[in-house]
């Protein structure tokens, strides 16, 4: 029987990589790419487990899933840090470098 490539295996891998690369874009893009990669990986895994002998590229799905999880964690941490900084310093201080430097000097002594 002829083996076929697993649907969306390469896309899952690419989205997993993009979730890590874009985690510093305020955390939003990394979360989106990571969640989409996990959903696609779940569907691809279900298809693979029905007939494992008919499909190849399951390694890409597993790797993409791991990268997506890492990307989601990094993005969530960055998003929490960004929200914390806005809550602590205020939006105006973050946008003005001089005001931010004054605020940091006050905190550090």
Protein backbone atom coordinates (compact mmCIF):
# COMPACT_ATOMS: atom_id res chain seq x y z
CA UNK A 1 0.00 0.00 0.00
CA UNK A 2 1.25 3.48 -0.85
CA UNK A 3 2.09 5.83 2.00
CA UNK A 4 0.89 9.44 1.89
CA UNK A 5 2.11 12.51 3.68
CA UNK A 6 0.12 13.34 6.78
CA UNK A 7 -2.19 16.31 6.10
CA UNK A 8 -0.86 19.63 7.46
CA UNK A 9 2.32 18.05 8.89
CA UNK A 10 4.57 20.71 7.39
CA UNK A 11 2.12 23.49 8.31
CA UNK A 12 2.10 22.32 11.94
CA UNK A 13 5.89 22.44 12.02
CA UNK A 14 5.97 25.93 10.47
CA UNK A 15 3.33 27.25 12.88
CA UNK A 16 5.25 25.75 15.81
CA UNK A 17 8.38 27.57 14.70
CA UNK A 18 6.45 30.80 14.12
CA UNK A 19 4.93 30.59 17.60
CA UNK A 20 8.43 30.75 19.09
CA UNK A 21 9.72 33.41 16.69
CA UNK A 22 6.72 35.71 17.23
CA UNK A 23 6.46 35.29 20.99
CA UNK A 24 8.02 38.74 21.49
CA UNK A 25 5.27 40.48 19.51
CA UNK A 26 3.49 41.29 22.78
CA UNK A 27 2.71 37.56 23.08
CA UNK A 28 -0.39 37.73 20.91
CA UNK A 29 0.95 36.35 17.61
CA UNK A 30 2.85 33.57 19.33
CA UNK A 31 -0.29 32.47 21.16
CA UNK A 32 -2.31 32.45 17.94
CA UNK A 33 0.25 30.43 15.97
CA UNK A 34 0.79 28.03 18.88
CA UNK A 35 -2.89 27.35 19.47
CA UNK A 36 -3.56 26.82 15.76
CA UNK A 37 -0.60 24.42 15.57
CA UNK A 38 -1.89 22.44 18.57
CA UNK A 39 -5.38 22.14 17.08
CA UNK A 40 -4.00 21.00 13.74
CA UNK A 41 -1.63 18.57 15.49
CA UNK A 42 -4.53 17.03 17.41
CA UNK A 43 -6.45 16.44 14.18
CA UNK A 44 -3.38 15.07 12.38
CA UNK A 45 -2.60 12.73 15.28
CA UNK A 46 -6.15 11.38 15.21
CA UNK A 47 -5.85 10.72 11.46
CA UNK A 48 -2.46 9.06 11.94
CA UNK A 49 -3.62 6.81 14.77
CA UNK A 50 -6.48 5.43 12.65
CA UNK A 51 -4.05 4.02 10.04
CA UNK A 52 -0.41 4.59 11.01
CA UNK A 53 0.91 2.46 8.15
CA UNK A 54 -0.70 4.75 5.53
CA UNK A 55 1.03 7.99 6.55
CA UNK A 56 4.50 9.45 6.83
CA UNK A 57 5.77 12.70 8.41
CA UNK A 58 4.39 12.00 11.87
CA UNK A 59 7.73 13.23 13.22
CA UNK A 60 6.96 16.71 11.86
CA UNK A 61 3.64 16.68 13.73
CA UNK A 62 5.30 15.71 17.02
CA UNK A 63 8.07 18.28 16.59
CA UNK A 64 5.57 20.99 15.65
CA UNK A 65 3.46 20.15 18.68
CA UNK A 66 6.44 20.45 21.03
CA UNK A 67 7.49 23.75 19.44
CA UNK A 68 3.93 25.05 19.70
CA UNK A 69 3.80 24.24 23.41
CA UNK A 70 7.12 26.02 23.96
CA UNK A 71 5.87 28.99 21.92
CA UNK A 72 2.63 29.19 23.89
CA UNK A 73 4.49 29.18 27.21
CA UNK A 74 6.95 31.86 26.07
CA UNK A 75 4.16 33.97 24.59
CA UNK A 76 2.05 33.70 27.72
CA UNK A 77 5.00 34.73 29.89
CA UNK A 78 5.77 37.69 27.65
CA UNK A 79 2.11 38.74 27.59
CA UNK A 80 1.90 38.57 31.39
CA UNK A 81 5.12 40.60 31.68
CA UNK A 82 3.79 43.22 29.26
CA UNK A 83 0.48 43.52 31.12
CA UNK A 84 2.36 43.77 34.42
CA UNK A 85 4.60 46.56 33.12
CA UNK A 86 1.63 48.52 31.80
CA UNK A 87 -0.19 48.05 35.10
CA UNK A 88 2.85 49.02 37.19
CA UNK A 89 4.35 51.87 35.15
CA UNK A 90 1.40 53.04 33.10
CA UNK A 91 1.07 53.26 29.36
CA UNK A 92 2.43 56.82 29.07
CA UNK A 93 5.67 56.02 30.94
CA UNK A 94 6.38 52.98 28.80
CA UNK A 95 6.11 55.02 25.59
CA UNK A 96 8.41 57.83 26.81
CA UNK A 97 12.02 56.61 27.25
CA UNK A 98 13.09 59.56 29.44
CA UNK A 99 10.13 59.15 31.77
CA UNK A 100 10.74 55.41 31.93
CA UNK A 101 14.41 55.99 32.81
CA UNK A 102 13.42 58.37 35.63
CA UNK A 103 10.95 55.84 36.97
CA UNK A 104 13.57 53.06 36.89
CA UNK A 105 16.11 55.26 38.69
CA UNK A 106 13.52 55.96 41.42
CA UNK A 107 12.91 52.24 41.86
CA UNK A 108 16.57 51.27 41.92
CA UNK A 109 17.67 54.06 44.23
